[in-house]
Amino acid sequence: MAFNPGDVVTVDFPGVTGIKRRPALVISSAAYHATRPDTIVGLITTRTTGLGPTDYSLKDWASAGLRVESVFRSFIVTLPPSANLILIGRLSERDWLGVRKCLKIALADLTDANNSI
């Protein structure tokens, strides 16, 4: 199944304490999916305290298929097709915009000509 940016999925997410089945957010683009079989996702957590500038408290979490108040965290992984992603919902436009702002802070601004690679 092809996923779209902003889709909320459940997946066995690798983390610091091991692998845990949890919700995640698809952040890879259609252009990426056109040539790659894997999917890039970001972590969704229920830890709503101690948030930083690269975390986003989801406003419309229930309509995105989540059971409790949740936060997008810019903890990003690339998962192979065998990862068994299951679609549970989709972010609202306002939440997707907020997540994209956090991702812009978290990732190097590759459009800035003054940054050297």
C-alpha atoms as a PDB file:
ATOM      1  CA  MET A   1       0.000   0.000   0.000  1.00  0.00           C
ATOM      2  CA  ALA A   2       1.305   3.462  -0.854  1.00  0.00           C
ATOM      3  CA  PHE A   3       1.188   6.006   1.945  1.00  0.00           C
ATOM      4  CA  ASN A   4       0.923   9.779   1.728  1.00  0.00           C
ATOM      5  CA  PRO A   5       2.606  12.484   3.777  1.00  0.00           C
ATOM      6  CA  GLY A   6       0.418  13.196   6.807  1.00  0.00           C
ATOM      7  CA  ASP A   7      -0.900   9.631   7.099  1.00  0.00           C
ATOM      8  CA  VAL A   8      -0.935   8.249  10.639  1.00  0.00           C
ATOM      9  CA  VAL A   9       0.120   4.608  10.807  1.00  0.00           C
ATOM     10  CA  THR A  10       0.984   2.020  13.424  1.00  0.00           C
ATOM     11  CA  VAL A  11       4.335   0.328  13.100  1.00  0.00           C
ATOM     12  CA  ASP A  12       6.994  -1.514  15.071  1.00  0.00           C
ATOM     13  CA  PHE A  13       9.056   1.596  15.756  1.00  0.00           C
ATOM     14  CA  PRO A  14      12.737   1.220  16.658  1.00  0.00           C
ATOM     15  CA  GLY A  15      13.759   3.351  19.595  1.00  0.00           C
ATOM     16  CA  VAL A  16      16.205   3.823  22.401  1.00  0.00           C
ATOM     17  CA  THR A  17      14.626   1.112  24.558  1.00  0.00           C
ATOM     18  CA  GLY A  18      13.946  -1.369  21.756  1.00  0.00           C
ATOM     19  CA  ILE A  19      11.143  -1.932  19.282  1.00  0.00           C
ATOM     20  CA  LYS A  20       7.593  -0.969  20.258  1.00  0.00           C
ATOM     21  CA  ARG A  21       4.333  -1.027  18.285  1.00  0.00           C
ATOM     22  CA  ARG A  22       3.214   2.583  18.194  1.00  0.00           C
ATOM     23  CA  PRO A  23       1.699   5.285  16.017  1.00  0.00           C
ATOM     24  CA  ALA A  24       3.935   7.150  13.603  1.00  0.00           C
ATOM     25  CA  LEU A  25       3.514   9.832  10.967  1.00  0.00           C
ATOM     26  CA  VAL A  26       4.432   9.345   7.322  1.00  0.00           C
ATOM     27  CA  ILE A  27       6.654  12.243   6.267  1.00  0.00           C
ATOM     28  CA  SER A  28       8.141  10.921   3.004  1.00  0.00           C
ATOM     29  CA  SER A  29       6.806  12.486  -0.182  1.00  0.00           C
ATOM     30  CA  ALA A  30       5.153  11.049  -3.274  1.00  0.00           C
ATOM     31  CA  ALA A  31       8.364  11.842  -5.191  1.00  0.00           C
ATOM     32  CA  TYR A  32      10.331   9.763  -2.675  1.00  0.00           C
ATOM     33  CA  HIS A  33       7.854   6.877  -2.890  1.00  0.00           C
ATOM     34  CA  ALA A  34       8.018   6.919  -6.702  1.00  0.00           C
ATOM     35  CA  THR A  35      11.579   5.587  -6.609  1.00  0.00           C
ATOM     36  CA  ARG A  36      11.959   4.010  -3.154  1.00  0.00           C
ATOM     37  CA  PRO A  37      10.169   1.034  -1.580  1.00  0.00           C
ATOM     38  CA  ASP A  38      10.698   2.265   2.001  1.00  0.00           C
ATOM     39  CA  THR A  39       8.812   4.880   4.033  1.00  0.00           C
ATOM     40  CA  ILE A  40      10.143   7.703   6.220  1.00  0.00           C
ATOM     41  CA  VAL A  41       8.163   8.221   9.432  1.00  0.00           C
ATOM     42  CA  GLY A  42       8.337  10.363  12.559  1.00  0.00           C
ATOM     43  CA  LEU A  43       7.439   9.304  16.083  1.00  0.00           C
ATOM     44  CA  ILE A  44       4.081   9.991  17.703  1.00  0.00           C
ATOM     45  CA  THR A  45       4.145   9.821  21.497  1.00  0.00           C
ATOM     46  CA  THR A  46       1.767  10.338  24.395  1.00  0.00           C
ATOM     47  CA  ARG A  47       4.455  12.136  26.423  1.00  0.00           C
ATOM     48  CA  THR A  48       3.140  15.677  26.396  1.00  0.00           C
ATOM     49  CA  THR A  49       5.617  17.253  28.831  1.00  0.00           C
ATOM     50  CA  GLY A  50       9.116  18.567  28.266  1.00  0.00           C
ATOM     51  CA  LEU A  51       8.451  19.526  24.652  1.00  0.00           C
ATOM     52  CA  GLY A  52      11.077  21.229  22.540  1.00  0.00           C
ATOM     53  CA  PRO A  53      10.957  23.315  19.353  1.00  0.00           C
ATOM     54  CA  THR A  54      10.954  20.191  17.169  1.00  0.00           C
ATOM     55  CA  ASP A  55       7.916  18.659  18.924  1.00  0.00           C
ATOM     56  CA  TYR A  56       4.320  19.469  18.022  1.00  0.00           C
ATOM     57  CA  SER A  57       1.241  18.857  20.204  1.00  0.00           C
ATOM     58  CA  LEU A  58      -1.434  17.516  17.897  1.00  0.00           C
ATOM     59  CA  LYS A  59      -4.653  19.522  18.172  1.00  0.00           C
ATOM     60  CA  ASP A  60      -6.929  17.166  16.233  1.00  0.00           C
ATOM     61  CA  TRP A  61      -5.470  13.895  17.521  1.00  0.00           C
ATOM     62  CA  ALA A  62      -8.817  12.098  17.843  1.00  0.00           C
ATOM     63  CA  SER A  63      -9.814  12.748  14.225  1.00  0.00           C
ATOM     64  CA  ALA A  64      -6.367  11.440  13.161  1.00  0.00           C
ATOM     65  CA  GLY A  65      -7.238   8.019  14.621  1.00  0.00           C
ATOM     66  CA  LEU A  66      -5.302   8.411  17.868  1.00  0.00           C
ATOM     67  CA  ARG A  67      -6.847   7.275  21.162  1.00  0.00           C
ATOM     68  CA  VAL A  68      -5.249   9.829  23.486  1.00  0.00           C
ATOM     69  CA  GLU A  69      -3.674  13.276  23.360  1.00  0.00           C
ATOM     70  CA  SER A  70      -0.444  12.905  21.382  1.00  0.00           C
ATOM     71  CA  VAL A  71       2.666  14.726  20.221  1.00  0.00           C
ATOM     72  CA  PHE A  72       4.667  14.466  17.011  1.00  0.00           C
ATOM     73  CA  ARG A  73       8.363  14.219  17.866  1.00  0.00           C
ATOM     74  CA  SER A  74      11.062  14.756  15.239  1.00  0.00           C
ATOM     75  CA  PHE A  75      12.522  11.294  15.865  1.00  0.00           C
ATOM     76  CA  ILE A  76      12.752  10.110  12.264  1.00  0.00           C
ATOM     77  CA  VAL A  77      13.401   6.641  10.849  1.00  0.00           C
ATOM     78  CA  THR A  78      13.287   5.010   7.439  1.00  0.00           C
ATOM     79  CA  LEU A  79      11.390   1.724   7.431  1.00  0.00           C
ATOM     80  CA  PRO A  80      11.571  -1.084   4.865  1.00  0.00           C
ATOM     81  CA  PRO A  81       8.455  -2.411   3.097  1.00  0.00           C
ATOM     82  CA  SER A  82       8.475  -5.367   5.502  1.00  0.00           C
ATOM     83  CA  ALA A  83       7.739  -3.007   8.434  1.00  0.00           C
ATOM     84  CA  ASN A  84       3.988  -3.722   8.204  1.00  0.00           C
ATOM     85  CA  LEU A  85       2.638  -0.180   8.420  1.00  0.00           C
ATOM     86  CA  ILE A  86      -1.099  -0.050   9.109  1.00  0.00           C
ATOM     87  CA  LEU A  87      -3.050   3.116   8.254  1.00  0.00           C
ATOM     88  CA  ILE A  88      -5.160   4.430  11.149  1.00  0.00           C
ATOM     89  CA  GLY A  89      -5.868   8.014  10.091  1.00  0.00           C
ATOM     90  CA  ARG A  90      -4.628  11.278   8.680  1.00  0.00           C
ATOM     91  CA  LEU A  91      -3.563  14.566  10.250  1.00  0.00           C
ATOM     92  CA  SER A  92      -5.735  17.632   9.868  1.00  0.00           C
ATOM     93  CA  GLU A  93      -4.343  20.442   7.723  1.00  0.00           C
ATOM     94  CA  ARG A  94      -3.503  22.564  10.772  1.00  0.00           C
ATOM     95  CA  ASP A  95      -1.638  19.698  12.448  1.00  0.00           C
ATOM     96  CA  TRP A  96       0.225  18.822   9.233  1.00  0.00           C
ATOM     97  CA  LEU A  97       1.302  22.464   8.922  1.00  0.00           C
ATOM     98  CA  GLY A  98       2.531  22.470  12.541  1.00  0.00           C
ATOM     99  CA  VAL A  99       4.480  19.255  12.019  1.00  0.00           C
ATOM    100  CA  ARG A 100       6.105  20.624   8.865  1.00  0.00           C
ATOM    101  CA  LYS A 101       7.238  23.711  10.794  1.00  0.00           C
ATOM    102  CA  CYS A 102       8.865  21.461  13.408  1.00  0.00           C
ATOM    103  CA  LEU A 103      10.556  19.379  10.728  1.00  0.00           C
ATOM    104  CA  LYS A 104      11.961  22.528   9.152  1.00  0.00           C
ATOM    105  CA  ILE A 105      13.528  23.426  12.498  1.00  0.00           C
ATOM    106  CA  ALA A 106      14.832  19.889  13.041  1.00  0.00           C
ATOM    107  CA  LEU A 107      16.425  19.415   9.621  1.00  0.00           C
ATOM    108  CA  ALA A 108      19.158  21.429   7.952  1.00  0.00           C
ATOM    109  CA  ASP A 109      17.796  24.135   5.690  1.00  0.00           C
ATOM    110  CA  LEU A 110      19.114  22.786   2.412  1.00  0.00           C
ATOM    111  CA  THR A 111      17.702  25.744   0.494  1.00  0.00           C
ATOM    112  CA  ASP A 112      20.007  28.184   2.266  1.00  0.00           C
ATOM    113  CA  ALA A 113      22.943  28.847  -0.091  1.00  0.00           C
ATOM    114  CA  ASN A 114      25.097  29.963   2.878  1.00  0.00           C
ATOM    115  CA  ASN A 115      25.042  26.477   4.407  1.00  0.00           C
ATOM    116  CA  SER A 116      27.891  24.328   3.208  1.00  0.00           C
ATOM    117  CA  ILE A 117      27.413  20.615   2.720  1.00  0.00           C
END
